[in-house]
C-alpha atoms as a PDB file:
ATOM      1  CA  UNK A   1       0.625   0.464  -0.247  1.00  0.00           C
ATOM      2  CA  UNK A   2       0.643   3.567  -0.872  1.00  0.00           C
ATOM      3  CA  UNK A   3       0.789   6.592   1.774  1.00  0.00           C
ATOM      4  CA  UNK A   4      -1.960   7.857  -0.250  1.00  0.00           C
ATOM      5  CA  UNK A   5      -3.989   4.642   0.259  1.00  0.00           C
ATOM      6  CA  UNK A   6      -3.715   4.155   3.607  1.00  0.00           C
ATOM      7  CA  UNK A   7      -4.922   7.812   4.439  1.00  0.00           C
ATOM      8  CA  UNK A   8      -4.467  10.521   2.514  1.00  0.00           C
ATOM      9  CA  UNK A   9      -6.274  12.985   0.364  1.00  0.00           C
ATOM     10  CA  UNK A  10      -7.870  11.038  -2.297  1.00  0.00           C
ATOM     11  CA  UNK A  11      -8.787   8.709   0.229  1.00  0.00           C
ATOM     12  CA  UNK A  12     -10.241  10.454   2.999  1.00  0.00           C
ATOM     13  CA  UNK A  13     -11.984  12.228  -0.290  1.00  0.00           C
ATOM     14  CA  UNK A  14     -13.857   9.013  -1.806  1.00  0.00           C
ATOM     15  CA  UNK A  15     -13.984   7.048   1.004  1.00  0.00           C
ATOM     16  CA  UNK A  16     -13.913   7.846   4.434  1.00  0.00           C
ATOM     17  CA  UNK A  17     -16.089  11.539   3.577  1.00  0.00           C
ATOM     18  CA  UNK A  18     -13.455  13.407   6.424  1.00  0.00           C
ATOM     19  CA  UNK A  19     -11.920  15.304   3.019  1.00  0.00           C
ATOM     20  CA  UNK A  20     -14.321  17.189   1.368  1.00  0.00           C
ATOM     21  CA  UNK A  21     -11.972  18.914  -1.076  1.00  0.00           C
ATOM     22  CA  UNK A  22      -8.679  18.772  -2.136  1.00  0.00           C
ATOM     23  CA  UNK A  23      -6.648  19.952  -5.194  1.00  0.00           C
ATOM     24  CA  UNK A  24      -3.352  19.407  -7.042  1.00  0.00           C
ATOM     25  CA  UNK A  25      -1.533  21.483  -5.553  1.00  0.00           C
ATOM     26  CA  UNK A  26      -0.615  24.848  -3.455  1.00  0.00           C
ATOM     27  CA  UNK A  27      -2.204  27.334  -5.582  1.00  0.00           C
ATOM     28  CA  UNK A  28      -4.791  25.274  -6.564  1.00  0.00           C
ATOM     29  CA  UNK A  29      -6.363  24.774  -2.668  1.00  0.00           C
ATOM     30  CA  UNK A  30      -5.212  28.768  -2.564  1.00  0.00           C
ATOM     31  CA  UNK A  31      -7.490  29.644  -5.202  1.00  0.00           C
ATOM     32  CA  UNK A  32     -10.076  27.150  -4.465  1.00  0.00           C
ATOM     33  CA  UNK A  33     -10.507  28.654  -0.612  1.00  0.00           C
ATOM     34  CA  UNK A  34     -10.956  31.706  -2.024  1.00  0.00           C
ATOM     35  CA  UNK A  35     -14.199  30.431  -4.557  1.00  0.00           C
ATOM     36  CA  UNK A  36     -15.757  27.974  -1.534  1.00  0.00           C
ATOM     37  CA  UNK A  37     -15.514  31.888   0.526  1.00  0.00           C
ATOM     38  CA  UNK A  38     -16.453  33.741  -1.551  1.00  0.00           C
ATOM     39  CA  UNK A  39     -19.831  31.131  -0.902  1.00  0.00           C
ATOM     40  CA  UNK A  40     -20.046  32.311   2.312  1.00  0.00           C
ATOM     41  CA  UNK A  41     -20.910  35.402   5.374  1.00  0.00           C
ATOM     42  CA  UNK A  42     -18.193  36.510   6.781  1.00  0.00           C
ATOM     43  CA  UNK A  43     -20.263  35.312  10.112  1.00  0.00           C
ATOM     44  CA  UNK A  44     -23.434  33.255  11.294  1.00  0.00           C
ATOM     45  CA  UNK A  45     -25.963  36.104  11.607  1.00  0.00           C
ATOM     46  CA  UNK A  46     -24.694  37.757   8.723  1.00  0.00           C
ATOM     47  CA  UNK A  47     -26.279  36.879   4.870  1.00  0.00           C
ATOM     48  CA  UNK A  48     -23.871  35.097   2.129  1.00  0.00           C
ATOM     49  CA  UNK A  49     -22.300  38.598  -0.098  1.00  0.00           C
ATOM     50  CA  UNK A  50     -25.285  39.118  -3.549  1.00  0.00           C
ATOM     51  CA  UNK A  51     -23.081  38.788  -7.059  1.00  0.00           C
ATOM     52  CA  UNK A  52     -24.909  40.337  -9.758  1.00  0.00           C
ATOM     53  CA  UNK A  53     -25.348  37.359 -12.298  1.00  0.00           C
ATOM     54  CA  UNK A  54     -24.249  37.828 -16.522  1.00  0.00           C
ATOM     55  CA  UNK A  55     -26.665  35.669 -17.274  1.00  0.00           C
ATOM     56  CA  UNK A  56     -30.023  37.227 -18.018  1.00  0.00           C
ATOM     57  CA  UNK A  57     -32.345  36.715 -14.957  1.00  0.00           C
ATOM     58  CA  UNK A  58     -35.663  35.694 -16.866  1.00  0.00           C
ATOM     59  CA  UNK A  59     -33.267  33.192 -19.473  1.00  0.00           C
ATOM     60  CA  UNK A  60     -35.491  30.210 -20.327  1.00  0.00           C
ATOM     61  CA  UNK A  61     -33.345  26.732 -20.744  1.00  0.00           C
ATOM     62  CA  UNK A  62     -35.747  24.646 -23.162  1.00  0.00           C
ATOM     63  CA  UNK A  63     -33.375  21.511 -22.958  1.00  0.00           C
ATOM     64  CA  UNK A  64     -34.515  21.292 -19.424  1.00  0.00           C
ATOM     65  CA  UNK A  65     -38.601  19.720 -20.805  1.00  0.00           C
ATOM     66  CA  UNK A  66     -35.984  16.746 -22.090  1.00  0.00           C
ATOM     67  CA  UNK A  67     -33.291  16.626 -19.747  1.00  0.00           C
ATOM     68  CA  UNK A  68     -34.953  13.212 -18.180  1.00  0.00           C
ATOM     69  CA  UNK A  69     -35.857  11.178 -19.618  1.00  0.00           C
ATOM     70  CA  UNK A  70     -38.805   9.309 -19.759  1.00  0.00           C
ATOM     71  CA  UNK A  71     -38.259   6.473 -19.126  1.00  0.00           C
ATOM     72  CA  UNK A  72     -37.846   6.049 -15.075  1.00  0.00           C
ATOM     73  CA  UNK A  73     -35.106   3.385 -15.306  1.00  0.00           C
ATOM     74  CA  UNK A  74     -32.685   5.487 -17.467  1.00  0.00           C
ATOM     75  CA  UNK A  75     -30.329   7.338 -15.763  1.00  0.00           C
ATOM     76  CA  UNK A  76     -29.100  11.073 -16.399  1.00  0.00           C
ATOM     77  CA  UNK A  77     -26.748  13.342 -15.452  1.00  0.00           C
ATOM     78  CA  UNK A  78     -27.751  15.837 -12.441  1.00  0.00           C
ATOM     79  CA  UNK A  79     -24.776  18.065 -13.138  1.00  0.00           C
ATOM     80  CA  UNK A  80     -26.628  19.111 -16.145  1.00  0.00           C
ATOM     81  CA  UNK A  81     -29.594  19.878 -14.092  1.00  0.00           C
ATOM     82  CA  UNK A  82     -28.288  22.198 -11.848  1.00  0.00           C
ATOM     83  CA  UNK A  83     -26.246  24.039 -14.219  1.00  0.00           C
ATOM     84  CA  UNK A  84     -29.194  24.478 -16.555  1.00  0.00           C
ATOM     85  CA  UNK A  85     -31.127  26.286 -13.431  1.00  0.00           C
ATOM     86  CA  UNK A  86     -28.245  28.140 -11.791  1.00  0.00           C
ATOM     87  CA  UNK A  87     -26.681  31.851 -11.990  1.00  0.00           C
ATOM     88  CA  UNK A  88     -23.114  31.933 -14.908  1.00  0.00           C
ATOM     89  CA  UNK A  89     -23.391  27.723 -14.838  1.00  0.00           C
ATOM     90  CA  UNK A  90     -21.153  28.496 -11.628  1.00  0.00           C
ATOM     91  CA  UNK A  91     -20.792  25.366  -9.315  1.00  0.00           C
ATOM     92  CA  UNK A  92     -19.205  24.451  -6.448  1.00  0.00           C
ATOM     93  CA  UNK A  93     -19.730  21.059  -5.643  1.00  0.00           C
ATOM     94  CA  UNK A  94     -18.591  19.553  -2.290  1.00  0.00           C
ATOM     95  CA  UNK A  95     -18.237  16.172  -1.378  1.00  0.00           C
ATOM     96  CA  UNK A  96     -18.011  15.807  -4.894  1.00  0.00           C
ATOM     97  CA  UNK A  97     -15.990  12.192  -4.872  1.00  0.00           C
ATOM     98  CA  UNK A  98     -17.746  10.685  -1.714  1.00  0.00           C
ATOM     99  CA  UNK A  99     -21.155   9.783  -2.010  1.00  0.00           C
ATOM    100  CA  UNK A 100     -21.500   9.969  -5.684  1.00  0.00           C
ATOM    101  CA  UNK A 101     -25.522   9.043  -5.842  1.00  0.00           C
ATOM    102  CA  UNK A 102     -26.713  12.762  -3.936  1.00  0.00           C
ATOM    103  CA  UNK A 103     -25.046  15.806  -5.002  1.00  0.00           C
ATOM    104  CA  UNK A 104     -23.882  18.376  -2.621  1.00  0.00           C
ATOM    105  CA  UNK A 105     -23.173  22.109  -3.517  1.00  0.00           C
ATOM    106  CA  UNK A 106     -22.948  26.070  -3.233  1.00  0.00           C
ATOM    107  CA  UNK A 107     -24.531  28.288  -6.990  1.00  0.00           C
ATOM    108  CA  UNK A 108     -26.134  31.328  -6.825  1.00  0.00           C
ATOM    109  CA  UNK A 109     -29.897  31.977  -8.357  1.00  0.00           C
ATOM    110  CA  UNK A 110     -30.288  35.248  -9.275  1.00  0.00           C
ATOM    111  CA  UNK A 111     -27.354  35.936  -7.180  1.00  0.00           C
ATOM    112  CA  UNK A 112     -27.548  35.123  -4.177  1.00  0.00           C
ATOM    113  CA  UNK A 113     -26.317  31.789  -2.354  1.00  0.00           C
ATOM    114  CA  UNK A 114     -27.991  28.411  -1.806  1.00  0.00           C
ATOM    115  CA  UNK A 115     -26.984  25.465  -1.242  1.00  0.00           C
ATOM    116  CA  UNK A 116     -27.801  22.632  -3.200  1.00  0.00           C
ATOM    117  CA  UNK A 117     -28.985  19.200  -3.173  1.00  0.00           C
ATOM    118  CA  UNK A 118     -29.683  16.797  -5.827  1.00  0.00           C
ATOM    119  CA  UNK A 119     -30.024  12.833  -6.359  1.00  0.00           C
ATOM    120  CA  UNK A 120     -28.398  11.132  -8.972  1.00  0.00           C
ATOM    121  CA  UNK A 121     -29.684   8.950 -10.644  1.00  0.00           C
ATOM    122  CA  UNK A 122     -25.989   7.811 -12.799  1.00  0.00           C
ATOM    123  CA  UNK A 123     -24.704   6.445  -9.194  1.00  0.00           C
ATOM    124  CA  UNK A 124     -26.315   4.387  -7.267  1.00  0.00           C
ATOM    125  CA  UNK A 125     -30.054   5.235  -9.090  1.00  0.00           C
ATOM    126  CA  UNK A 126     -30.033   7.968  -7.136  1.00  0.00           C
ATOM    127  CA  UNK A 127     -30.912   6.105  -4.147  1.00  0.00           C
ATOM    128  CA  UNK A 128     -30.424   7.482  -0.614  1.00  0.00           C
ATOM    129  CA  UNK A 129     -28.007   5.196   1.564  1.00  0.00           C
ATOM    130  CA  UNK A 130     -25.464   5.961   4.956  1.00  0.00           C
ATOM    131  CA  UNK A 131     -23.334   7.679   2.905  1.00  0.00           C
ATOM    132  CA  UNK A 132     -25.087   9.605   1.244  1.00  0.00           C
ATOM    133  CA  UNK A 133     -27.383  10.606   3.682  1.00  0.00           C
ATOM    134  CA  UNK A 134     -24.947  11.121   5.627  1.00  0.00           C
ATOM    135  CA  UNK A 135     -23.030  13.452   3.204  1.00  0.00           C
ATOM    136  CA  UNK A 136     -26.580  15.701   2.433  1.00  0.00           C
ATOM    137  CA  UNK A 137     -27.417  15.507   6.076  1.00  0.00           C
ATOM    138  CA  UNK A 138     -23.680  17.578   7.026  1.00  0.00           C
ATOM    139  CA  UNK A 139     -24.100  20.224   4.365  1.00  0.00           C
ATOM    140  CA  UNK A 140     -28.362  21.216   4.568  1.00  0.00           C
ATOM    141  CA  UNK A 141     -27.161  22.072   9.196  1.00  0.00           C
ATOM    142  CA  UNK A 142     -24.337  24.072   7.260  1.00  0.00           C
ATOM    143  CA  UNK A 143     -26.392  25.973   5.184  1.00  0.00           C
ATOM    144  CA  UNK A 144     -28.187  26.104   7.378  1.00  0.00           C
ATOM    145  CA  UNK A 145     -25.648  27.635   9.629  1.00  0.00           C
ATOM    146  CA  UNK A 146     -25.140  29.750   7.039  1.00  0.00           C
ATOM    147  CA  UNK A 147     -28.028  32.045   6.341  1.00  0.00           C
ATOM    148  CA  UNK A 148     -27.751  30.098   3.657  1.00  0.00           C
ATOM    149  CA  UNK A 149     -31.924  28.589   1.763  1.00  0.00           C
ATOM    150  CA  UNK A 150     -31.190  25.288  -0.077  1.00  0.00           C
ATOM    151  CA  UNK A 151     -33.231  23.809  -3.567  1.00  0.00           C
ATOM    152  CA  UNK A 152     -33.294  20.526  -3.353  1.00  0.00           C
ATOM    153  CA  UNK A 153     -33.492  18.025  -6.872  1.00  0.00           C
ATOM    154  CA  UNK A 154     -35.956  14.995  -5.412  1.00  0.00           C
ATOM    155  CA  UNK A 155     -35.254  12.121  -8.055  1.00  0.00           C
ATOM    156  CA  UNK A 156     -35.022   9.271  -5.444  1.00  0.00           C
ATOM    157  CA  UNK A 157     -36.239   5.569  -5.606  1.00  0.00           C
ATOM    158  CA  UNK A 158     -35.938   5.273  -1.709  1.00  0.00           C
ATOM    159  CA  UNK A 159     -33.922   4.661   0.724  1.00  0.00           C
ATOM    160  CA  UNK A 160     -30.988   1.339   0.049  1.00  0.00           C
ATOM    161  CA  UNK A 161     -32.621  -1.384   2.304  1.00  0.00           C
ATOM    162  CA  UNK A 162     -31.202  -4.912   2.727  1.00  0.00           C
ATOM    163  CA  UNK A 163     -27.805  -6.051   3.297  1.00  0.00           C
ATOM    164  CA  UNK A 164     -25.346  -6.211   6.623  1.00  0.00           C
ATOM    165  CA  UNK A 165     -23.871  -3.069   6.320  1.00  0.00           C
ATOM    166  CA  UNK A 166     -27.142  -1.159   5.361  1.00  0.00           C
ATOM    167  CA  UNK A 167     -29.241  -2.418   7.733  1.00  0.00           C
ATOM    168  CA  UNK A 168     -26.631  -3.504  10.040  1.00  0.00           C
ATOM    169  CA  UNK A 169     -24.300  -0.492   9.461  1.00  0.00           C
ATOM    170  CA  UNK A 170     -27.987   1.658  10.967  1.00  0.00           C
ATOM    171  CA  UNK A 171     -29.758   2.634   7.138  1.00  0.00           C
ATOM    172  CA  UNK A 172     -32.204   4.078   8.915  1.00  0.00           C
ATOM    173  CA  UNK A 173     -30.407   6.043  12.307  1.00  0.00           C
ATOM    174  CA  UNK A 174     -28.489   7.891   9.176  1.00  0.00           C
ATOM    175  CA  UNK A 175     -31.674   8.055   6.492  1.00  0.00           C
ATOM    176  CA  UNK A 176     -33.829   9.925   9.733  1.00  0.00           C
ATOM    177  CA  UNK A 177     -30.237  12.311   9.842  1.00  0.00           C
ATOM    178  CA  UNK A 178     -31.412  13.703   6.738  1.00  0.00           C
ATOM    179  CA  UNK A 179     -34.607  14.205   7.034  1.00  0.00           C
ATOM    180  CA  UNK A 180     -34.353  15.752  11.204  1.00  0.00           C
ATOM    181  CA  UNK A 181     -32.219  18.830   9.055  1.00  0.00           C
ATOM    182  CA  UNK A 182     -34.861  19.353   7.239  1.00  0.00           C
ATOM    183  CA  UNK A 183     -37.257  19.606   9.038  1.00  0.00           C
ATOM    184  CA  UNK A 184     -35.427  21.616  11.573  1.00  0.00           C
ATOM    185  CA  UNK A 185     -34.397  23.895   8.828  1.00  0.00           C
ATOM    186  CA  UNK A 186     -35.742  27.544  10.824  1.00  0.00           C
ATOM    187  CA  UNK A 187     -38.345  29.967   8.343  1.00  0.00           C
ATOM    188  CA  UNK A 188     -36.570  32.681   7.050  1.00  0.00           C
ATOM    189  CA  UNK A 189     -37.509  35.328   5.439  1.00  0.00           C
END
């Protein structure tokens, strides 16, 4: 085994879910950190900064009508849906390499920062397993901590039942974390 396989950034980004981002070098890491910070307010009592979009606010995208297949068994890429809805097609995915059956990240809509959560039909048909439930619940709680509204794209067949790892690992308990994270979101004006 290599040092990276034993616990490097790539391993923690893809397998354990400990690392939310990875960068190839220090300069890229600093650039990525600046980009992430552009979505967050200075503290939890402030709102994220507004950034005027360059695309028309009243734009329409006819491809959204055909992007999702009529056949529910045919997968599509949730990233395509997200990028067609958000401002300037700019999306900062969080935990991109872990629990890929759900997509989480930051974007802007009408210039306002939003958190985005969406099931990914291209991975495990978008089902919610333990890792996906934990990933999404953590992201929803992060958005709550920074007063960031959520956009949720739902195309999920169910929680993934059965098997020793899932049932014995507590899919019901972990799935409930995601439901609770949504249910406790405060109403804000």
